[in-house]
Each structure stands twice: as C-alpha cells, then as structure tokens.
Amino acid sequence: MQNIAPIIGAGISLGGIIFHIGKHSEKLNLLNFKVDALEEKKKYDDDLMHHIHSKLLVSEERLKNIEEDVKEIKLNILEKKK
C-alpha cells in the first residue's frame, strides 16, 4: 500500500499537468485565429489605401490637365485682345 500511494499521486499530478497543457493549447489556437483575423483586416486596409491612393493620383492628373487647359484658354484670350 505504501508503494502504490506515490504512484497514484504521480499519476494524478501527471494528469493535471496534461490537462493544463491542453487548456493552454486551446488558448493558443484561439490566439492564432485572432492573429489571422488581424492579418486579413490589415490586408483589407492596405488594399483600401492603395485604391484611395490611385484615385488621388488620377484626380491629381486631371487637375493638372485642367490647369494646362485654363492656361491655354487664357493665352488665346490675351492674344485675341491684342
């Protein structure tokens, strides 16, 4: 009986350790899911920023073209007045 008690105690301790490792493993899986979700959100945000940036570049180019057209029109009007 004296030899069996330490073996039972060791078995119970080992079972508790395995149980807690399993609990922490589950928490790590949930954490990994959250990280994946954050990476997807970052990718979406990056795509959105690139889209906005391209729209700004197009708008900027159009404004430059309008500015050149206005200068041409102004020069034509000034030439006609002379």
PDB file of N, CA and C in Angstrom:
ATOM      1  N   MET A   1       0.818  -1.186   0.000  1.00  0.00           N
ATOM      2  CA  MET A   1       0.000   0.000   0.000  1.00  0.00           C
ATOM      3  C   MET A   1       0.865   1.254   0.000  1.00  0.00           C
ATOM      4  N   GLN A   2       1.990   1.193   0.684  1.00  0.00           N
ATOM      5  CA  GLN A   2       2.867   2.361   0.738  1.00  0.00           C
ATOM      6  C   GLN A   2       3.531   2.614  -0.612  1.00  0.00           C
ATOM      7  N   ASN A   3       3.701   1.600  -1.409  1.00  0.00           N
ATOM      8  CA  ASN A   3       4.314   1.761  -2.729  1.00  0.00           C
ATOM      9  C   ASN A   3       3.301   2.279  -3.759  1.00  0.00           C
ATOM     10  N   ILE A   4       2.059   2.004  -3.574  1.00  0.00           N
ATOM     11  CA  ILE A   4       1.029   2.391  -4.535  1.00  0.00           C
ATOM     12  C   ILE A   4       0.648   3.867  -4.390  1.00  0.00           C
ATOM     13  N   ALA A   5       0.655   4.415  -3.197  1.00  0.00           N
ATOM     14  CA  ALA A   5       0.242   5.798  -2.951  1.00  0.00           C
ATOM     15  C   ALA A   5       1.080   6.791  -3.762  1.00  0.00           C
ATOM     16  N   PRO A   6       2.432   6.708  -3.771  1.00  0.00           N
ATOM     17  CA  PRO A   6       3.206   7.661  -4.582  1.00  0.00           C
ATOM     18  C   PRO A   6       2.934   7.508  -6.084  1.00  0.00           C
ATOM     19  N   ILE A   7       2.679   6.292  -6.524  1.00  0.00           N
ATOM     20  CA  ILE A   7       2.398   6.076  -7.945  1.00  0.00           C
ATOM     21  C   ILE A   7       1.066   6.725  -8.326  1.00  0.00           C
ATOM     22  N   ILE A   8       0.065   6.565  -7.456  1.00  0.00           N
ATOM     23  CA  ILE A   8      -1.235   7.190  -7.702  1.00  0.00           C
ATOM     24  C   ILE A   8      -1.092   8.716  -7.695  1.00  0.00           C
ATOM     25  N   GLY A   9      -0.344   9.246  -6.728  1.00  0.00           N
ATOM     26  CA  GLY A   9      -0.110  10.694  -6.654  1.00  0.00           C
ATOM     27  C   GLY A   9       0.592  11.213  -7.902  1.00  0.00           C
ATOM     28  N   ALA A  10       1.592  10.481  -8.373  1.00  0.00           N
ATOM     29  CA  ALA A  10       2.318  10.880  -9.582  1.00  0.00           C
ATOM     30  C   ALA A  10       1.389  10.837 -10.798  1.00  0.00           C
ATOM     31  N   GLY A  11       0.537   9.832 -10.870  1.00  0.00           N
ATOM     32  CA  GLY A  11      -0.422   9.720 -11.981  1.00  0.00           C
ATOM     33  C   GLY A  11      -1.403  10.881 -11.993  1.00  0.00           C
ATOM     34  N   ILE A  12      -1.900  11.241 -10.803  1.00  0.00           N
ATOM     35  CA  ILE A  12      -2.841  12.360 -10.703  1.00  0.00           C
ATOM     36  C   ILE A  12      -2.142  13.664 -11.092  1.00  0.00           C
ATOM     37  N   SER A  13      -0.905  13.857 -10.606  1.00  0.00           N
ATOM     38  CA  SER A  13      -0.146  15.063 -10.951  1.00  0.00           C
ATOM     39  C   SER A  13       0.096  15.146 -12.446  1.00  0.00           C
ATOM     40  N   LEU A  14       0.492  14.026 -13.033  1.00  0.00           N
ATOM     41  CA  LEU A  14       0.751  13.989 -14.465  1.00  0.00           C
ATOM     42  C   LEU A  14      -0.531  14.276 -15.248  1.00  0.00           C
ATOM     43  N   GLY A  15      -1.642  13.748 -14.795  1.00  0.00           N
ATOM     44  CA  GLY A  15      -2.937  14.013 -15.439  1.00  0.00           C
ATOM     45  C   GLY A  15      -3.294  15.486 -15.381  1.00  0.00           C
ATOM     46  N   GLY A  16      -3.052  16.108 -14.218  1.00  0.00           N
ATOM     47  CA  GLY A  16      -3.322  17.547 -14.073  1.00  0.00           C
ATOM     48  C   GLY A  16      -2.441  18.378 -14.997  1.00  0.00           C
ATOM     49  N   ILE A  17      -1.179  17.995 -15.100  1.00  0.00           N
ATOM     50  CA  ILE A  17      -0.257  18.726 -15.985  1.00  0.00           C
ATOM     51  C   ILE A  17      -0.717  18.615 -17.446  1.00  0.00           C
ATOM     52  N   ILE A  18      -1.080  17.418 -17.854  1.00  0.00           N
ATOM     53  CA  ILE A  18      -1.550  17.211 -19.233  1.00  0.00           C
ATOM     54  C   ILE A  18      -2.821  18.013 -19.490  1.00  0.00           C
ATOM     55  N   PHE A  19      -3.722  18.052 -18.496  1.00  0.00           N
ATOM     56  CA  PHE A  19      -4.968  18.808 -18.625  1.00  0.00           C
ATOM     57  C   PHE A  19      -4.673  20.295 -18.834  1.00  0.00           C
ATOM     58  N   HIS A  20      -3.760  20.857 -18.030  1.00  0.00           N
ATOM     59  CA  HIS A  20      -3.438  22.283 -18.142  1.00  0.00           C
ATOM     60  C   HIS A  20      -2.711  22.600 -19.451  1.00  0.00           C
ATOM     61  N   ILE A  21      -1.896  21.686 -19.923  1.00  0.00           N
ATOM     62  CA  ILE A  21      -1.241  21.883 -21.225  1.00  0.00           C
ATOM     63  C   ILE A  21      -2.305  21.942 -22.323  1.00  0.00           C
ATOM     64  N   GLY A  22      -3.309  21.096 -22.214  1.00  0.00           N
ATOM     65  CA  GLY A  22      -4.406  21.114 -23.186  1.00  0.00           C
ATOM     66  C   GLY A  22      -5.175  22.422 -23.150  1.00  0.00           C
ATOM     67  N   LYS A  23      -5.429  22.942 -21.938  1.00  0.00           N
ATOM     68  CA  LYS A  23      -6.134  24.216 -21.820  1.00  0.00           C
ATOM     69  C   LYS A  23      -5.334  25.335 -22.468  1.00  0.00           C
ATOM     70  N   HIS A  24      -4.031  25.369 -22.237  1.00  0.00           N
ATOM     71  CA  HIS A  24      -3.184  26.411 -22.814  1.00  0.00           C
ATOM     72  C   HIS A  24      -3.094  26.248 -24.326  1.00  0.00           C
ATOM     73  N   SER A  25      -3.091  25.033 -24.787  1.00  0.00           N
ATOM     74  CA  SER A  25      -3.060  24.780 -26.228  1.00  0.00           C
ATOM     75  C   SER A  25      -4.313  25.348 -26.886  1.00  0.00           C
ATOM     76  N   GLU A  26      -5.460  25.165 -26.249  1.00  0.00           N
ATOM     77  CA  GLU A  26      -6.714  25.704 -26.790  1.00  0.00           C
ATOM     78  C   GLU A  26      -6.664  27.225 -26.823  1.00  0.00           C
ATOM     79  N   LYS A  27      -6.109  27.837 -25.779  1.00  0.00           N
ATOM     80  CA  LYS A  27      -5.980  29.296 -25.762  1.00  0.00           C
ATOM     81  C   LYS A  27      -5.069  29.763 -26.892  1.00  0.00           C
ATOM     82  N   LEU A  28      -4.017  29.039 -27.157  1.00  0.00           N
ATOM     83  CA  LEU A  28      -3.105  29.407 -28.236  1.00  0.00           C
ATOM     84  C   LEU A  28      -3.798  29.303 -29.591  1.00  0.00           C
ATOM     85  N   ASN A  29      -4.651  28.304 -29.772  1.00  0.00           N
ATOM     86  CA  ASN A  29      -5.397  28.185 -31.026  1.00  0.00           C
ATOM     87  C   ASN A  29      -6.316  29.385 -31.219  1.00  0.00           C
ATOM     88  N   LEU A  30      -6.980  29.820 -30.160  1.00  0.00           N
ATOM     89  CA  LEU A  30      -7.845  30.993 -30.258  1.00  0.00           C
ATOM     90  C   LEU A  30      -7.029  32.230 -30.584  1.00  0.00           C
ATOM     91  N   LEU A  31      -5.855  32.337 -29.982  1.00  0.00           N
ATOM     92  CA  LEU A  31      -4.970  33.470 -30.241  1.00  0.00           C
ATOM     93  C   LEU A  31      -4.530  33.468 -31.694  1.00  0.00           C
ATOM     94  N   ASN A  32      -4.219  32.303 -32.227  1.00  0.00           N
ATOM     95  CA  ASN A  32      -3.797  32.187 -33.620  1.00  0.00           C
ATOM     96  C   ASN A  32      -4.911  32.641 -34.552  1.00  0.00           C
ATOM     97  N   PHE A  33      -6.153  32.304 -34.220  1.00  0.00           N
ATOM     98  CA  PHE A  33      -7.302  32.734 -35.022  1.00  0.00           C
ATOM     99  C   PHE A  33      -7.411  34.253 -35.018  1.00  0.00           C
ATOM    100  N   LYS A  34      -7.206  34.862 -33.849  1.00  0.00           N
ATOM    101  CA  LYS A  34      -7.274  36.322 -33.758  1.00  0.00           C
ATOM    102  C   LYS A  34      -6.176  36.963 -34.597  1.00  0.00           C
ATOM    103  N   VAL A  35      -4.997  36.394 -34.593  1.00  0.00           N
ATOM    104  CA  VAL A  35      -3.891  36.931 -35.386  1.00  0.00           C
ATOM    105  C   VAL A  35      -4.231  36.843 -36.869  1.00  0.00           C
ATOM    106  N   ASP A  36      -4.797  35.720 -37.303  1.00  0.00           N
ATOM    107  CA  ASP A  36      -5.194  35.570 -38.703  1.00  0.00           C
ATOM    108  C   ASP A  36      -6.239  36.618 -39.083  1.00  0.00           C
ATOM    109  N   ALA A  37      -7.187  36.849 -38.188  1.00  0.00           N
ATOM    110  CA  ALA A  37      -8.226  37.847 -38.462  1.00  0.00           C
ATOM    111  C   ALA A  37      -7.616  39.236 -38.575  1.00  0.00           C
ATOM    112  N   LEU A  38      -6.647  39.551 -37.722  1.00  0.00           N
ATOM    113  CA  LEU A  38      -5.989  40.859 -37.795  1.00  0.00           C
ATOM    114  C   LEU A  38      -5.188  41.004 -39.080  1.00  0.00           C
ATOM    115  N   GLU A  39      -4.560  39.909 -39.533  1.00  0.00           N
ATOM    116  CA  GLU A  39      -3.808  39.964 -40.789  1.00  0.00           C
ATOM    117  C   GLU A  39      -4.744  40.203 -41.964  1.00  0.00           C
ATOM    118  N   GLU A  40      -5.926  39.575 -41.945  1.00  0.00           N
ATOM    119  CA  GLU A  40      -6.902  39.804 -43.010  1.00  0.00           C
ATOM    120  C   GLU A  40      -7.375  41.252 -42.999  1.00  0.00           C
ATOM    121  N   LYS A  41      -7.604  41.807 -41.810  1.00  0.00           N
ATOM    122  CA  LYS A  41      -8.046  43.198 -41.699  1.00  0.00           C
ATOM    123  C   LYS A  41      -6.967  44.125 -42.222  1.00  0.00           C
ATOM    124  N   LYS A  42      -5.712  43.833 -41.904  1.00  0.00           N
ATOM    125  CA  LYS A  42      -4.606  44.669 -42.378  1.00  0.00           C
ATOM    126  C   LYS A  42      -4.518  44.611 -43.896  1.00  0.00           C
ATOM    127  N   LYS A  43      -4.705  43.428 -44.472  1.00  0.00           N
ATOM    128  CA  LYS A  43      -4.664  43.291 -45.930  1.00  0.00           C
ATOM    129  C   LYS A  43      -5.801  44.095 -46.558  1.00  0.00           C
ATOM    130  N   TYR A  44      -6.980  44.029 -45.975  1.00  0.00           N
ATOM    131  CA  TYR A  44      -8.120  44.793 -46.482  1.00  0.00           C
ATOM    132  C   TYR A  44      -7.831  46.287 -46.396  1.00  0.00           C
ATOM    133  N   ASP A  45      -7.277  46.727 -45.253  1.00  0.00           N
ATOM    134  CA  ASP A  45      -6.939  48.146 -45.086  1.00  0.00           C
ATOM    135  C   ASP A  45      -5.892  48.590 -46.094  1.00  0.00           C
ATOM    136  N   ASP A  46      -4.886  47.743 -46.338  1.00  0.00           N
ATOM    137  CA  ASP A  46      -3.850  48.077 -47.322  1.00  0.00           C
ATOM    138  C   ASP A  46      -4.445  48.192 -48.722  1.00  0.00           C
ATOM    139  N   ASP A  47      -5.317  47.261 -49.080  1.00  0.00           N
ATOM    140  CA  ASP A  47      -5.969  47.319 -50.391  1.00  0.00           C
ATOM    141  C   ASP A  47      -6.792  48.599 -50.532  1.00  0.00           C
ATOM    142  N   LEU A  48      -7.501  48.956 -49.471  1.00  0.00           N
ATOM    143  CA  LEU A  48      -8.313  50.169 -49.488  1.00  0.00           C
ATOM    144  C   LEU A  48      -7.433  51.410 -49.648  1.00  0.00           C
ATOM    145  N   MET A  49      -6.316  51.444 -48.940  1.00  0.00           N
ATOM    146  CA  MET A  49      -5.398  52.581 -49.040  1.00  0.00           C
ATOM    147  C   MET A  49      -4.821  52.690 -50.453  1.00  0.00           C
ATOM    148  N   HIS A  50      -4.464  51.559 -51.067  1.00  0.00           N
ATOM    149  CA  HIS A  50      -3.946  51.589 -52.433  1.00  0.00           C
ATOM    150  C   HIS A  50      -5.015  52.096 -53.407  1.00  0.00           C
ATOM    151  N   HIS A  51      -6.254  51.683 -53.188  1.00  0.00           N
ATOM    152  CA  HIS A  51      -7.352  52.133 -54.040  1.00  0.00           C
ATOM    153  C   HIS A  51      -7.535  53.650 -53.913  1.00  0.00           C
ATOM    154  N   ILE A  52      -7.537  54.145 -52.689  1.00  0.00           N
ATOM    155  CA  ILE A  52      -7.692  55.588 -52.460  1.00  0.00           C
ATOM    156  C   ILE A  52      -6.524  56.348 -53.076  1.00  0.00           C
ATOM    157  N   HIS A  53      -5.319  55.823 -52.905  1.00  0.00           N
ATOM    158  CA  HIS A  53      -4.131  56.485 -53.454  1.00  0.00           C
ATOM    159  C   HIS A  53      -4.202  56.560 -54.982  1.00  0.00           C
ATOM    160  N   SER A  54      -4.639  55.490 -55.619  1.00  0.00           N
ATOM    161  CA  SER A  54      -4.736  55.506 -57.084  1.00  0.00           C
ATOM    162  C   SER A  54      -5.789  56.510 -57.540  1.00  0.00           C
ATOM    163  N   LYS A  55      -6.904  56.609 -56.809  1.00  0.00           N
ATOM    164  CA  LYS A  55      -7.932  57.595 -57.148  1.00  0.00           C
ATOM    165  C   LYS A  55      -7.382  59.010 -57.011  1.00  0.00           C
ATOM    166  N   LEU A  56      -6.590  59.262 -55.971  1.00  0.00           N
ATOM    167  CA  LEU A  56      -5.987  60.581 -55.792  1.00  0.00           C
ATOM    168  C   LEU A  56      -5.020  60.910 -56.924  1.00  0.00           C
ATOM    169  N   LEU A  57      -4.241  59.930 -57.358  1.00  0.00           N
ATOM    170  CA  LEU A  57      -3.310  60.168 -58.454  1.00  0.00           C
ATOM    171  C   LEU A  57      -4.056  60.525 -59.742  1.00  0.00           C
ATOM    172  N   VAL A  58      -5.141  59.819 -60.016  1.00  0.00           N
ATOM    173  CA  VAL A  58      -5.938  60.107 -61.204  1.00  0.00           C
ATOM    174  C   VAL A  58      -6.532  61.516 -61.106  1.00  0.00           C
ATOM    175  N   SER A  59      -7.059  61.865 -59.946  1.00  0.00           N
ATOM    176  CA  SER A  59      -7.641  63.199 -59.752  1.00  0.00           C
ATOM    177  C   SER A  59      -6.578  64.280 -59.906  1.00  0.00           C
ATOM    178  N   GLU A  60      -5.406  64.033 -59.385  1.00  0.00           N
ATOM    179  CA  GLU A  60      -4.306  64.986 -59.490  1.00  0.00           C
ATOM    180  C   GLU A  60      -3.917  65.196 -60.955  1.00  0.00           C
ATOM    181  N   GLU A  61      -3.867  64.125 -61.710  1.00  0.00           N
ATOM    182  CA  GLU A  61      -3.532  64.230 -63.136  1.00  0.00           C
ATOM    183  C   GLU A  61      -4.603  65.016 -63.883  1.00  0.00           C
ATOM    184  N   ARG A  62      -5.852  64.788 -63.572  1.00  0.00           N
ATOM    185  CA  ARG A  62      -6.944  65.525 -64.217  1.00  0.00           C
ATOM    186  C   ARG A  62      -6.868  67.009 -63.877  1.00  0.00           C
ATOM    187  N   LEU A  63      -6.546  67.329 -62.628  1.00  0.00           N
ATOM    188  CA  LEU A  63      -6.415  68.742 -62.247  1.00  0.00           C
ATOM    189  C   LEU A  63      -5.270  69.412 -62.993  1.00  0.00           C
ATOM    190  N   LYS A  64      -4.171  68.706 -63.191  1.00  0.00           N
ATOM    191  CA  LYS A  64      -3.058  69.262 -63.963  1.00  0.00           C
ATOM    192  C   LYS A  64      -3.490  69.538 -65.397  1.00  0.00           C
ATOM    193  N   ASN A  65      -4.248  68.611 -65.980  1.00  0.00           N
ATOM    194  CA  ASN A  65      -4.740  68.810 -67.346  1.00  0.00           C
ATOM    195  C   ASN A  65      -5.675  70.011 -67.429  1.00  0.00           C
ATOM    196  N   ILE A  66      -6.550  70.157 -66.437  1.00  0.00           N
ATOM    197  CA  ILE A  66      -7.463  71.305 -66.412  1.00  0.00           C
ATOM    198  C   ILE A  66      -6.661  72.594 -66.279  1.00  0.00           C
ATOM    199  N   GLU A  67      -5.651  72.594 -65.449  1.00  0.00           N
ATOM    200  CA  GLU A  67      -4.814  73.772 -65.265  1.00  0.00           C
ATOM    201  C   GLU A  67      -4.126  74.159 -66.580  1.00  0.00           C
ATOM    202  N   GLU A  68      -3.633  73.185 -67.311  1.00  0.00           N
ATOM    203  CA  GLU A  68      -2.997  73.461 -68.608  1.00  0.00           C
ATOM    204  C   GLU A  68      -4.012  74.018 -69.604  1.00  0.00           C
ATOM    205  N   ASP A  69      -5.220  73.454 -69.589  1.00  0.00           N
ATOM    206  CA  ASP A  69      -6.267  73.945 -70.493  1.00  0.00           C
ATOM    207  C   ASP A  69      -6.633  75.382 -70.166  1.00  0.00           C
ATOM    208  N   VAL A  70      -6.737  75.713 -68.897  1.00  0.00           N
ATOM    209  CA  VAL A  70      -7.072  77.075 -68.481  1.00  0.00           C
ATOM    210  C   VAL A  70      -5.970  78.035 -68.928  1.00  0.00           C
ATOM    211  N   LYS A  71      -4.724  77.640 -68.801  1.00  0.00           N
ATOM    212  CA  LYS A  71      -3.616  78.491 -69.251  1.00  0.00           C
ATOM    213  C   LYS A  71      -3.691  78.726 -70.758  1.00  0.00           C
ATOM    214  N   GLU A  72      -3.999  77.684 -71.520  1.00  0.00           N
ATOM    215  CA  GLU A  72      -4.132  77.820 -72.974  1.00  0.00           C
ATOM    216  C   GLU A  72      -5.267  78.771 -73.333  1.00  0.00           C
ATOM    217  N   ILE A  73      -6.384  78.599 -72.686  1.00  0.00           N
ATOM    218  CA  ILE A  73      -7.534  79.467 -72.948  1.00  0.00           C
ATOM    219  C   ILE A  73      -7.185  80.904 -72.606  1.00  0.00           C
ATOM    220  N   LYS A  74      -6.523  81.118 -71.492  1.00  0.00           N
ATOM    221  CA  LYS A  74      -6.122  82.461 -71.078  1.00  0.00           C
ATOM    222  C   LYS A  74      -5.183  83.083 -72.107  1.00  0.00           C
ATOM    223  N   LEU A  75      -4.218  82.306 -72.588  1.00  0.00           N
ATOM    224  CA  LEU A  75      -3.293  82.812 -73.614  1.00  0.00           C
ATOM    225  C   LEU A  75      -4.047  83.157 -74.899  1.00  0.00           C
ATOM    226  N   ASN A  76      -5.005  82.329 -75.308  1.00  0.00           N
ATOM    227  CA  ASN A  76      -5.795  82.598 -76.509  1.00  0.00           C
ATOM    228  C   ASN A  76      -6.606  83.875 -76.359  1.00  0.00           C
ATOM    229  N   ILE A  77      -7.181  84.071 -75.206  1.00  0.00           N
ATOM    230  CA  ILE A  77      -7.987  85.287 -74.965  1.00  0.00           C
ATOM    231  C   ILE A  77      -7.077  86.516 -75.000  1.00  0.00           C
ATOM    232  N   LEU A  78      -5.907  86.418 -74.371  1.00  0.00           N
ATOM    233  CA  LEU A  78      -4.990  87.556 -74.354  1.00  0.00           C
ATOM    234  C   LEU A  78      -4.473  87.873 -75.766  1.00  0.00           C
ATOM    235  N   GLU A  79      -4.231  86.862 -76.562  1.00  0.00           N
ATOM    236  CA  GLU A  79      -3.768  87.074 -77.940  1.00  0.00           C
ATOM    237  C   GLU A  79      -4.846  87.726 -78.800  1.00  0.00           C
ATOM    238  N   LYS A  80      -6.086  87.352 -78.567  1.00  0.00           N
ATOM    239  CA  LYS A  80      -7.197  87.926 -79.340  1.00  0.00           C
ATOM    240  C   LYS A  80      -7.413  89.399 -79.000  1.00  0.00           C
ATOM    241  N   LYS A  81      -7.119  89.789 -77.769  1.00  0.00           N
ATOM    242  CA  LYS A  81      -7.302  91.180 -77.342  1.00  0.00           C
ATOM    243  C   LYS A  81      -6.268  92.084 -78.005  1.00  0.00           C
ATOM    244  N   LYS A  82      -5.122  91.566 -78.360  1.00  0.00           N
ATOM    245  CA  LYS A  82      -4.066  92.391 -78.944  1.00  0.00           C
ATOM    246  C   LYS A  82      -4.363  92.784 -80.311  1.00  0.00           C
TER     247      LYS A  82
END
